[in-house]
Amino acid sequence: MNRKFILFLSILIIATGITGILVNNDSHETTSNELLELNSEKYVNIALAQSTRDLSSGKTLSKNDYAIKKLLVKESSELAKNNISSSAEINSHILKENVLANSYLTKDMLASPDSDEFNRLTLKKGEIIYKFNLKKQDEYLLNSLDIGDKVSFQLVTLETDNRKGMENDITINKKGMSNRQGQSYSLYKIIQNMQVVRIKKYSESELSEVNGKNKKTEETITGYIDVIINMRDLDLIYLAEVSGEIILTPAIADEDNKSKRLHDTLPELRKIRELRG
């Protein structure tokens, strides 16, 4: 009886050992496969925007508000969800919530200038966003302006002292007139302090697409700026565009709204013209 029991116990021990070995091998194989899959996971290059200071909700982002950090991370990483590599620059985007310094700026925190949400957060009643295309001569604005800066909309006209009619009546003349005696250029400040909300400088490929067959360098459109204006100012803009030459200049603090005439600014020029008469 004892011999049978000992034989049975021996067989049971051997069977248990074999089962343990098989189970351990399966577990090891599963772990190895998981490690292999983990190690074979793809890595991606991403760009993250990190705030350089505390930012408040409603802030229009400029290049000084954030820094770009480039990282190599696993494709499944949470950081990859905040990747802005494939997005346009986030300059001019609006923050929808308060952000602490050194925080990552995620896409769901931002409103794009092209979105209805941006207009809702930015514009007051009666305001619209107006686009000014900039030519080669105005390219300095694209390089010097920043989001939040303000610009002035001005009109340059060529005027004639029309003494044949009402005394000292001023009439606007075309630029191409050959007889310039008695004529003077004037500069009128039409709209001041228009806030810049977007700045776009075209790349080489975009320049070709935007300008098409236009070969005149001075007529080449190099970019544009978006500004906030009051709807009532639209009439002034349209009227000014057909009345003379339009120029945009950076607004100066405490700048007066007076017009300027060439003969008043440079009276010596008028004397020279009279002498040449």
C-alpha atoms as a PDB file:
ATOM      1  CA  MET A   1       0.000   0.000   0.000  1.00  0.00           C
ATOM      2  CA  ASN A   2       2.801   2.348   0.930  1.00  0.00           C
ATOM      3  CA  ARG A   3       4.615   1.547  -2.309  1.00  0.00           C
ATOM      4  CA  LYS A   4       1.496   2.399  -4.361  1.00  0.00           C
ATOM      5  CA  PHE A   5       1.063   5.673  -2.480  1.00  0.00           C
ATOM      6  CA  ILE A   6       4.691   6.610  -2.956  1.00  0.00           C
ATOM      7  CA  LEU A   7       4.439   5.819  -6.701  1.00  0.00           C
ATOM      8  CA  PHE A   8       1.268   7.914  -7.050  1.00  0.00           C
ATOM      9  CA  LEU A   9       2.845  10.814  -5.172  1.00  0.00           C
ATOM     10  CA  SER A  10       5.935  10.653  -7.363  1.00  0.00           C
ATOM     11  CA  ILE A  11       3.846  10.731 -10.543  1.00  0.00           C
ATOM     12  CA  LEU A  12       1.835  13.716  -9.165  1.00  0.00           C
ATOM     13  CA  ILE A  13       4.991  15.647  -8.346  1.00  0.00           C
ATOM     14  CA  ILE A  14       6.429  14.994 -11.810  1.00  0.00           C
ATOM     15  CA  ALA A  15       3.170  16.083 -13.507  1.00  0.00           C
ATOM     16  CA  THR A  16       3.010  19.266 -11.421  1.00  0.00           C
ATOM     17  CA  GLY A  17       6.597  20.125 -12.338  1.00  0.00           C
ATOM     18  CA  ILE A  18       5.988  19.608 -16.053  1.00  0.00           C
ATOM     19  CA  THR A  19       2.837  21.772 -15.909  1.00  0.00           C
ATOM     20  CA  GLY A  20       4.742  24.530 -14.107  1.00  0.00           C
ATOM     21  CA  ILE A  21       7.485  24.496 -16.711  1.00  0.00           C
ATOM     22  CA  LEU A  22       4.970  24.740 -19.583  1.00  0.00           C
ATOM     23  CA  VAL A  23       3.047  27.586 -17.933  1.00  0.00           C
ATOM     24  CA  ASN A  24       6.262  29.469 -17.186  1.00  0.00           C
ATOM     25  CA  ASN A  25       7.387  29.111 -20.808  1.00  0.00           C
ATOM     26  CA  ASP A  26       4.054  30.466 -22.084  1.00  0.00           C
ATOM     27  CA  SER A  27       4.257  33.414 -19.688  1.00  0.00           C
ATOM     28  CA  HIS A  28       7.832  34.149 -20.689  1.00  0.00           C
ATOM     29  CA  GLU A  29       6.914  33.977 -24.372  1.00  0.00           C
ATOM     30  CA  THR A  30       3.972  36.362 -23.857  1.00  0.00           C
ATOM     31  CA  THR A  31       6.175  38.826 -21.958  1.00  0.00           C
ATOM     32  CA  SER A  32       8.826  38.635 -24.668  1.00  0.00           C
ATOM     33  CA  ASN A  33       6.230  39.337 -27.354  1.00  0.00           C
ATOM     34  CA  GLU A  34       4.905  42.313 -25.411  1.00  0.00           C
ATOM     35  CA  LEU A  35       8.405  43.700 -24.967  1.00  0.00           C
ATOM     36  CA  LEU A  36       9.106  43.152 -28.652  1.00  0.00           C
ATOM     37  CA  GLU A  37       5.943  45.030 -29.636  1.00  0.00           C
ATOM     38  CA  LEU A  38       6.810  47.822 -27.205  1.00  0.00           C
ATOM     39  CA  ASN A  39      10.336  48.120 -28.534  1.00  0.00           C
ATOM     40  CA  SER A  40       9.137  48.111 -32.141  1.00  0.00           C
ATOM     41  CA  GLU A  41       6.696  51.006 -31.556  1.00  0.00           C
ATOM     42  CA  LYS A  42       7.314  53.936 -33.902  1.00  0.00           C
ATOM     43  CA  TYR A  43       8.898  57.164 -32.704  1.00  0.00           C
ATOM     44  CA  VAL A  44       7.831  60.516 -34.140  1.00  0.00           C
ATOM     45  CA  ASN A  45       9.295  64.016 -34.145  1.00  0.00           C
ATOM     46  CA  ILE A  46       6.909  66.562 -32.678  1.00  0.00           C
ATOM     47  CA  ALA A  47       6.893  70.275 -31.903  1.00  0.00           C
ATOM     48  CA  LEU A  48       5.306  71.553 -28.730  1.00  0.00           C
ATOM     49  CA  ALA A  49       4.458  75.143 -27.817  1.00  0.00           C
ATOM     50  CA  GLN A  50       5.336  76.011 -24.234  1.00  0.00           C
ATOM     51  CA  SER A  51       4.239  79.279 -22.626  1.00  0.00           C
ATOM     52  CA  THR A  52       7.065  81.573 -21.562  1.00  0.00           C
ATOM     53  CA  ARG A  53       4.939  83.378 -18.958  1.00  0.00           C
ATOM     54  CA  ASP A  54       1.490  83.375 -17.384  1.00  0.00           C
ATOM     55  CA  LEU A  55      -1.134  84.062 -20.061  1.00  0.00           C
ATOM     56  CA  SER A  56      -4.736  85.090 -19.526  1.00  0.00           C
ATOM     57  CA  SER A  57      -7.838  83.917 -21.352  1.00  0.00           C
ATOM     58  CA  GLY A  58      -8.610  86.044 -24.414  1.00  0.00           C
ATOM     59  CA  LYS A  59      -4.941  86.773 -25.086  1.00  0.00           C
ATOM     60  CA  THR A  60      -3.949  86.943 -28.757  1.00  0.00           C
ATOM     61  CA  LEU A  61      -0.696  84.998 -28.996  1.00  0.00           C
ATOM     62  CA  SER A  62       2.480  86.581 -30.303  1.00  0.00           C
ATOM     63  CA  LYS A  63       5.896  85.027 -30.852  1.00  0.00           C
ATOM     64  CA  ASN A  64       7.076  86.261 -27.446  1.00  0.00           C
ATOM     65  CA  ASP A  65       4.352  84.365 -25.563  1.00  0.00           C
ATOM     66  CA  TYR A  66       5.663  80.868 -26.250  1.00  0.00           C
ATOM     67  CA  ALA A  67       8.727  78.853 -27.207  1.00  0.00           C
ATOM     68  CA  ILE A  68       8.843  75.850 -29.538  1.00  0.00           C
ATOM     69  CA  LYS A  69      10.270  72.606 -28.125  1.00  0.00           C
ATOM     70  CA  LYS A  70      11.117  69.771 -30.524  1.00  0.00           C
ATOM     71  CA  LEU A  71      11.029  66.240 -29.123  1.00  0.00           C
ATOM     72  CA  LEU A  72      11.295  62.617 -30.283  1.00  0.00           C
ATOM     73  CA  VAL A  73       8.505  60.638 -28.580  1.00  0.00           C
ATOM     74  CA  LYS A  74       6.631  57.373 -28.991  1.00  0.00           C
ATOM     75  CA  GLU A  75       3.654  57.549 -31.297  1.00  0.00           C
ATOM     76  CA  SER A  76       1.327  56.540 -28.454  1.00  0.00           C
ATOM     77  CA  SER A  77       2.639  59.235 -26.093  1.00  0.00           C
ATOM     78  CA  GLU A  78       0.190  61.769 -24.674  1.00  0.00           C
ATOM     79  CA  LEU A  79       2.600  64.490 -25.773  1.00  0.00           C
ATOM     80  CA  ALA A  80       2.077  63.500 -29.412  1.00  0.00           C
ATOM     81  CA  LYS A  81      -1.528  64.683 -29.147  1.00  0.00           C
ATOM     82  CA  ASN A  82      -0.280  68.232 -28.591  1.00  0.00           C
ATOM     83  CA  ASN A  83       1.945  68.200 -31.674  1.00  0.00           C
ATOM     84  CA  ILE A  84       1.740  71.430 -33.698  1.00  0.00           C
ATOM     85  CA  SER A  85       4.261  70.405 -36.378  1.00  0.00           C
ATOM     86  CA  SER A  86       1.566  70.075 -39.042  1.00  0.00           C
ATOM     87  CA  SER A  87      -0.290  73.209 -37.957  1.00  0.00           C
ATOM     88  CA  ALA A  88       0.220  76.744 -39.137  1.00  0.00           C
ATOM     89  CA  GLU A  89       1.996  79.118 -36.788  1.00  0.00           C
ATOM     90  CA  ILE A  90      -0.055  79.726 -33.674  1.00  0.00           C
ATOM     91  CA  ASN A  91       0.736  83.434 -33.734  1.00  0.00           C
ATOM     92  CA  SER A  92      -2.562  85.353 -33.719  1.00  0.00           C
ATOM     93  CA  HIS A  93      -4.481  82.437 -32.197  1.00  0.00           C
ATOM     94  CA  ILE A  94      -6.558  83.315 -29.125  1.00  0.00           C
ATOM     95  CA  LEU A  95      -6.310  81.540 -25.791  1.00  0.00           C
ATOM     96  CA  LYS A  96      -9.603  80.183 -24.500  1.00  0.00           C
ATOM     97  CA  GLU A  97      -8.366  79.677 -20.934  1.00  0.00           C
ATOM     98  CA  ASN A  98      -5.751  80.916 -18.470  1.00  0.00           C
ATOM     99  CA  VAL A  99      -2.318  79.317 -18.807  1.00  0.00           C
ATOM    100  CA  LEU A 100       0.571  79.229 -16.341  1.00  0.00           C
ATOM    101  CA  ALA A 101       4.182  79.792 -17.365  1.00  0.00           C
ATOM    102  CA  ASN A 102       5.984  76.735 -18.819  1.00  0.00           C
ATOM    103  CA  SER A 103       2.684  74.995 -19.654  1.00  0.00           C
ATOM    104  CA  TYR A 104       2.119  73.246 -22.972  1.00  0.00           C
ATOM    105  CA  LEU A 105      -0.393  74.947 -25.269  1.00  0.00           C
ATOM    106  CA  THR A 106      -2.750  72.327 -26.668  1.00  0.00           C
ATOM    107  CA  LYS A 107      -4.907  72.704 -29.744  1.00  0.00           C
ATOM    108  CA  ASP A 108      -8.130  72.656 -27.758  1.00  0.00           C
ATOM    109  CA  MET A 109      -6.915  75.726 -25.824  1.00  0.00           C
ATOM    110  CA  LEU A 110      -6.662  77.826 -28.993  1.00  0.00           C
ATOM    111  CA  ALA A 111      -9.049  79.502 -31.423  1.00  0.00           C
ATOM    112  CA  SER A 112      -7.762  79.976 -34.986  1.00  0.00           C
ATOM    113  CA  PRO A 113      -8.186  83.370 -36.743  1.00  0.00           C
ATOM    114  CA  ASP A 114     -10.138  81.547 -39.451  1.00  0.00           C
ATOM    115  CA  SER A 115     -12.733  80.225 -37.014  1.00  0.00           C
ATOM    116  CA  ASP A 116     -16.095  81.638 -35.956  1.00  0.00           C
ATOM    117  CA  GLU A 117     -14.985  81.120 -32.369  1.00  0.00           C
ATOM    118  CA  PHE A 118     -12.120  83.559 -32.911  1.00  0.00           C
ATOM    119  CA  ASN A 119     -14.523  86.253 -34.114  1.00  0.00           C
ATOM    120  CA  ARG A 120     -16.808  85.657 -31.159  1.00  0.00           C
ATOM    121  CA  LEU A 121     -13.952  86.008 -28.678  1.00  0.00           C
ATOM    122  CA  THR A 122     -12.296  88.988 -30.377  1.00  0.00           C
ATOM    123  CA  LEU A 123     -14.895  91.273 -31.897  1.00  0.00           C
ATOM    124  CA  LYS A 124     -17.229  93.666 -30.162  1.00  0.00           C
ATOM    125  CA  LYS A 125     -20.618  94.569 -31.556  1.00  0.00           C
ATOM    126  CA  GLY A 126     -20.275  96.461 -34.837  1.00  0.00           C
ATOM    127  CA  GLU A 127     -16.678  95.347 -35.457  1.00  0.00           C
ATOM    128  CA  ILE A 128     -15.288  93.236 -38.300  1.00  0.00           C
ATOM    129  CA  ILE A 129     -11.897  91.921 -39.406  1.00  0.00           C
ATOM    130  CA  TYR A 130     -10.586  93.630 -42.553  1.00  0.00           C
ATOM    131  CA  LYS A 131      -7.741  92.347 -44.716  1.00  0.00           C
ATOM    132  CA  PHE A 132      -5.118  94.657 -46.240  1.00  0.00           C
ATOM    133  CA  ASN A 133      -2.919  93.150 -48.966  1.00  0.00           C
ATOM    134  CA  LEU A 134       0.621  94.522 -48.783  1.00  0.00           C
ATOM    135  CA  LYS A 135       2.837  95.162 -51.785  1.00  0.00           C
ATOM    136  CA  LYS A 136       6.625  95.084 -52.016  1.00  0.00           C
ATOM    137  CA  GLN A 137       7.045  98.658 -50.787  1.00  0.00           C
ATOM    138  CA  ASP A 138       5.052  97.856 -47.637  1.00  0.00           C
ATOM    139  CA  GLU A 139       6.956  94.669 -46.835  1.00  0.00           C
ATOM    140  CA  TYR A 140       8.615  96.375 -43.867  1.00  0.00           C
ATOM    141  CA  LEU A 141       5.265  96.168 -42.061  1.00  0.00           C
ATOM    142  CA  LEU A 142       5.334  92.371 -42.272  1.00  0.00           C
ATOM    143  CA  ASN A 143       8.789  92.356 -40.682  1.00  0.00           C
ATOM    144  CA  SER A 144       8.265  95.030 -38.032  1.00  0.00           C
ATOM    145  CA  LEU A 145       4.681  94.613 -36.820  1.00  0.00           C
ATOM    146  CA  ASP A 146       3.619  92.186 -34.132  1.00  0.00           C
ATOM    147  CA  ILE A 147       0.218  90.833 -33.138  1.00  0.00           C
ATOM    148  CA  GLY A 148      -1.599  93.446 -31.054  1.00  0.00           C
ATOM    149  CA  ASP A 149       0.212  96.413 -32.624  1.00  0.00           C
ATOM    150  CA  LYS A 150      -1.856  99.199 -34.148  1.00  0.00           C
ATOM    151  CA  VAL A 151      -1.673 100.824 -37.575  1.00  0.00           C
ATOM    152  CA  SER A 152      -3.063 103.978 -39.163  1.00  0.00           C
ATOM    153  CA  PHE A 153      -4.898 104.126 -42.499  1.00  0.00           C
ATOM    154  CA  GLN A 154      -3.886 107.242 -44.456  1.00  0.00           C
ATOM    155  CA  LEU A 155      -4.675 108.826 -47.810  1.00  0.00           C
ATOM    156  CA  VAL A 156      -2.221 110.732 -50.026  1.00  0.00           C
ATOM    157  CA  THR A 157      -3.754 113.109 -52.583  1.00  0.00           C
ATOM    158  CA  LEU A 158      -2.465 115.566 -55.171  1.00  0.00           C
ATOM    159  CA  GLU A 159      -4.313 118.846 -54.713  1.00  0.00           C
ATOM    160  CA  THR A 160      -4.657 122.022 -56.764  1.00  0.00           C
ATOM    161  CA  ASP A 161      -5.364 125.532 -55.530  1.00  0.00           C
ATOM    162  CA  ASN A 162      -8.291 126.227 -57.863  1.00  0.00           C
ATOM    163  CA  ARG A 163      -8.459 130.032 -57.805  1.00  0.00           C
ATOM    164  CA  LYS A 164     -10.609 130.232 -60.919  1.00  0.00           C
ATOM    165  CA  GLY A 165     -13.553 129.072 -58.909  1.00  0.00           C
ATOM    166  CA  MET A 166     -14.236 129.691 -55.259  1.00  0.00           C
ATOM    167  CA  GLU A 167     -11.305 131.399 -53.511  1.00  0.00           C
ATOM    168  CA  ASN A 168      -8.808 128.832 -52.209  1.00  0.00           C
ATOM    169  CA  ASP A 169     -11.063 125.928 -53.194  1.00  0.00           C
ATOM    170  CA  ILE A 170      -9.170 122.614 -53.076  1.00  0.00           C
ATOM    171  CA  THR A 171      -9.788 119.948 -55.708  1.00  0.00           C
ATOM    172  CA  ILE A 172      -8.232 116.499 -56.000  1.00  0.00           C
ATOM    173  CA  ASN A 173      -6.254 115.947 -59.200  1.00  0.00           C
ATOM    174  CA  LYS A 174      -4.922 112.822 -60.874  1.00  0.00           C
ATOM    175  CA  LYS A 175      -1.287 111.930 -60.287  1.00  0.00           C
ATOM    176  CA  GLY A 176      -0.447 111.972 -63.980  1.00  0.00           C
ATOM    177  CA  MET A 177      -1.068 115.675 -64.601  1.00  0.00           C
ATOM    178  CA  SER A 178       1.863 117.287 -66.384  1.00  0.00           C
ATOM    179  CA  ASN A 179       1.345 120.802 -65.050  1.00  0.00           C
ATOM    180  CA  ARG A 180       2.124 120.644 -61.326  1.00  0.00           C
ATOM    181  CA  GLN A 181       2.406 124.382 -60.701  1.00  0.00           C
ATOM    182  CA  GLY A 182       0.152 125.294 -57.803  1.00  0.00           C
ATOM    183  CA  GLN A 183      -0.222 121.665 -56.776  1.00  0.00           C
ATOM    184  CA  SER A 184       0.625 120.101 -53.435  1.00  0.00           C
ATOM    185  CA  TYR A 185       0.506 116.636 -51.929  1.00  0.00           C
ATOM    186  CA  SER A 186      -1.555 116.186 -48.790  1.00  0.00           C
ATOM    187  CA  LEU A 187      -1.672 113.375 -46.248  1.00  0.00           C
ATOM    188  CA  TYR A 188      -4.957 112.652 -44.470  1.00  0.00           C
ATOM    189  CA  LYS A 189      -5.280 110.317 -41.504  1.00  0.00           C
ATOM    190  CA  ILE A 190      -8.510 108.472 -42.203  1.00  0.00           C
ATOM    191  CA  ILE A 191      -8.579 105.725 -39.535  1.00  0.00           C
ATOM    192  CA  GLN A 192      -6.195 105.502 -36.599  1.00  0.00           C
ATOM    193  CA  ASN A 193      -5.286 102.746 -34.167  1.00  0.00           C
ATOM    194  CA  MET A 194      -6.521  99.698 -36.076  1.00  0.00           C
ATOM    195  CA  GLN A 195      -5.453  96.634 -34.063  1.00  0.00           C
ATOM    196  CA  VAL A 196      -3.486  93.952 -35.917  1.00  0.00           C
ATOM    197  CA  VAL A 197      -4.793  90.435 -35.268  1.00  0.00           C
ATOM    198  CA  ARG A 198      -2.983  88.510 -37.990  1.00  0.00           C
ATOM    199  CA  ILE A 199       0.211  88.890 -40.021  1.00  0.00           C
ATOM    200  CA  LYS A 200       0.938  86.700 -43.027  1.00  0.00           C
ATOM    201  CA  LYS A 201       4.121  86.842 -45.100  1.00  0.00           C
ATOM    202  CA  TYR A 202       3.933  84.647 -48.190  1.00  0.00           C
ATOM    203  CA  SER A 203       6.525  81.946 -48.856  1.00  0.00           C
ATOM    204  CA  GLU A 204       8.181  81.644 -52.271  1.00  0.00           C
ATOM    205  CA  SER A 205       5.634  79.070 -53.443  1.00  0.00           C
ATOM    206  CA  GLU A 206       2.737  81.157 -52.138  1.00  0.00           C
ATOM    207  CA  LEU A 207       4.075  84.276 -53.890  1.00  0.00           C
ATOM    208  CA  SER A 208       3.878  82.526 -57.261  1.00  0.00           C
ATOM    209  CA  GLU A 209       0.366  81.307 -56.566  1.00  0.00           C
ATOM    210  CA  VAL A 210      -0.958  84.648 -55.291  1.00  0.00           C
ATOM    211  CA  ASN A 211       0.631  86.895 -57.920  1.00  0.00           C
ATOM    212  CA  GLY A 212       0.162  84.617 -60.923  1.00  0.00           C
ATOM    213  CA  LYS A 213       1.365  86.253 -64.123  1.00  0.00           C
ATOM    214  CA  ASN A 214       2.029  89.638 -62.522  1.00  0.00           C
ATOM    215  CA  LYS A 215       5.634  90.514 -63.435  1.00  0.00           C
ATOM    216  CA  LYS A 216       5.754  94.052 -61.985  1.00  0.00           C
ATOM    217  CA  THR A 217       7.911  93.928 -58.867  1.00  0.00           C
ATOM    218  CA  GLU A 218       6.328  97.008 -57.318  1.00  0.00           C
ATOM    219  CA  GLU A 219       2.872  95.462 -57.728  1.00  0.00           C
ATOM    220  CA  THR A 220       3.840  92.117 -56.172  1.00  0.00           C
ATOM    221  CA  ILE A 221       1.726  91.249 -53.142  1.00  0.00           C
ATOM    222  CA  THR A 222       4.096  89.948 -50.470  1.00  0.00           C
ATOM    223  CA  GLY A 223       1.588  89.269 -47.695  1.00  0.00           C
ATOM    224  CA  TYR A 224      -1.291  90.745 -45.750  1.00  0.00           C
ATOM    225  CA  ILE A 225      -2.409  91.903 -42.332  1.00  0.00           C
ATOM    226  CA  ASP A 226      -5.823  91.512 -40.710  1.00  0.00           C
ATOM    227  CA  VAL A 227      -7.036  94.381 -38.552  1.00  0.00           C
ATOM    228  CA  ILE A 228     -10.133  95.122 -36.500  1.00  0.00           C
ATOM    229  CA  ILE A 229     -12.263  97.998 -37.787  1.00  0.00           C
ATOM    230  CA  ASN A 230     -15.706  99.372 -37.113  1.00  0.00           C
ATOM    231  CA  MET A 231     -18.251  98.561 -39.810  1.00  0.00           C
ATOM    232  CA  ARG A 232     -18.910 102.287 -40.190  1.00  0.00           C
ATOM    233  CA  ASP A 233     -15.314 102.728 -41.397  1.00  0.00           C
ATOM    234  CA  LEU A 234     -15.902 100.576 -44.485  1.00  0.00           C
ATOM    235  CA  ASP A 235     -17.342 103.536 -46.402  1.00  0.00           C
ATOM    236  CA  LEU A 236     -14.249 105.600 -45.583  1.00  0.00           C
ATOM    237  CA  ILE A 237     -11.948 102.851 -46.829  1.00  0.00           C
ATOM    238  CA  TYR A 238     -13.806 102.371 -50.119  1.00  0.00           C
ATOM    239  CA  LEU A 239     -13.974 106.138 -50.720  1.00  0.00           C
ATOM    240  CA  ALA A 240     -10.290 106.632 -49.939  1.00  0.00           C
ATOM    241  CA  GLU A 241      -9.233 103.826 -52.290  1.00  0.00           C
ATOM    242  CA  VAL A 242     -10.653 105.679 -55.317  1.00  0.00           C
ATOM    243  CA  SER A 243      -9.497 109.128 -54.193  1.00  0.00           C
ATOM    244  CA  GLY A 244      -5.732 108.738 -54.043  1.00  0.00           C
ATOM    245  CA  GLU A 245      -2.900 106.554 -52.808  1.00  0.00           C
ATOM    246  CA  ILE A 246      -3.488 104.494 -49.658  1.00  0.00           C
ATOM    247  CA  ILE A 247      -0.719 103.915 -47.126  1.00  0.00           C
ATOM    248  CA  LEU A 248      -0.572 102.049 -43.827  1.00  0.00           C
ATOM    249  CA  THR A 249       1.847 103.129 -41.113  1.00  0.00           C
ATOM    250  CA  PRO A 250       2.509 101.948 -37.558  1.00  0.00           C
ATOM    251  CA  ALA A 251       0.402 104.028 -35.176  1.00  0.00           C
ATOM    252  CA  ILE A 252       2.241 106.386 -32.847  1.00  0.00           C
ATOM    253  CA  ALA A 253       1.035 106.946 -29.289  1.00  0.00           C
ATOM    254  CA  ASP A 254      -0.695 110.311 -28.736  1.00  0.00           C
ATOM    255  CA  GLU A 255      -0.506 111.047 -32.451  1.00  0.00           C
ATOM    256  CA  ASP A 256      -2.731 113.929 -33.542  1.00  0.00           C
ATOM    257  CA  ASN A 257      -5.354 113.551 -36.247  1.00  0.00           C
ATOM    258  CA  LYS A 258      -4.348 116.584 -38.297  1.00  0.00           C
ATOM    259  CA  SER A 259      -3.734 116.347 -42.021  1.00  0.00           C
ATOM    260  CA  LYS A 260      -0.354 117.357 -43.443  1.00  0.00           C
ATOM    261  CA  ARG A 261       0.367 119.339 -46.623  1.00  0.00           C
ATOM    262  CA  LEU A 262       3.653 119.232 -48.459  1.00  0.00           C
ATOM    263  CA  HIS A 263       3.915 123.040 -48.764  1.00  0.00           C
ATOM    264  CA  ASP A 264       3.299 123.442 -45.039  1.00  0.00           C
ATOM    265  CA  THR A 265       5.833 120.782 -44.099  1.00  0.00           C
ATOM    266  CA  LEU A 266       8.462 121.902 -46.642  1.00  0.00           C
ATOM    267  CA  PRO A 267       7.731 125.597 -47.423  1.00  0.00           C
ATOM    268  CA  GLU A 268      11.126 125.917 -49.110  1.00  0.00           C
ATOM    269  CA  LEU A 269       9.907 123.606 -51.860  1.00  0.00           C
ATOM    270  CA  ARG A 270       7.050 125.980 -52.655  1.00  0.00           C
ATOM    271  CA  LYS A 271       9.439 128.926 -52.964  1.00  0.00           C
ATOM    272  CA  ILE A 272      11.659 126.967 -55.343  1.00  0.00           C
ATOM    273  CA  ARG A 273       8.674 126.122 -57.543  1.00  0.00           C
ATOM    274  CA  GLU A 274       7.542 129.764 -57.560  1.00  0.00           C
ATOM    275  CA  LEU A 275      11.014 130.903 -58.612  1.00  0.00           C
ATOM    276  CA  ARG A 276      11.073 128.333 -61.399  1.00  0.00           C
ATOM    277  CA  GLY A 277       7.467 129.433 -62.211  1.00  0.00           C
END
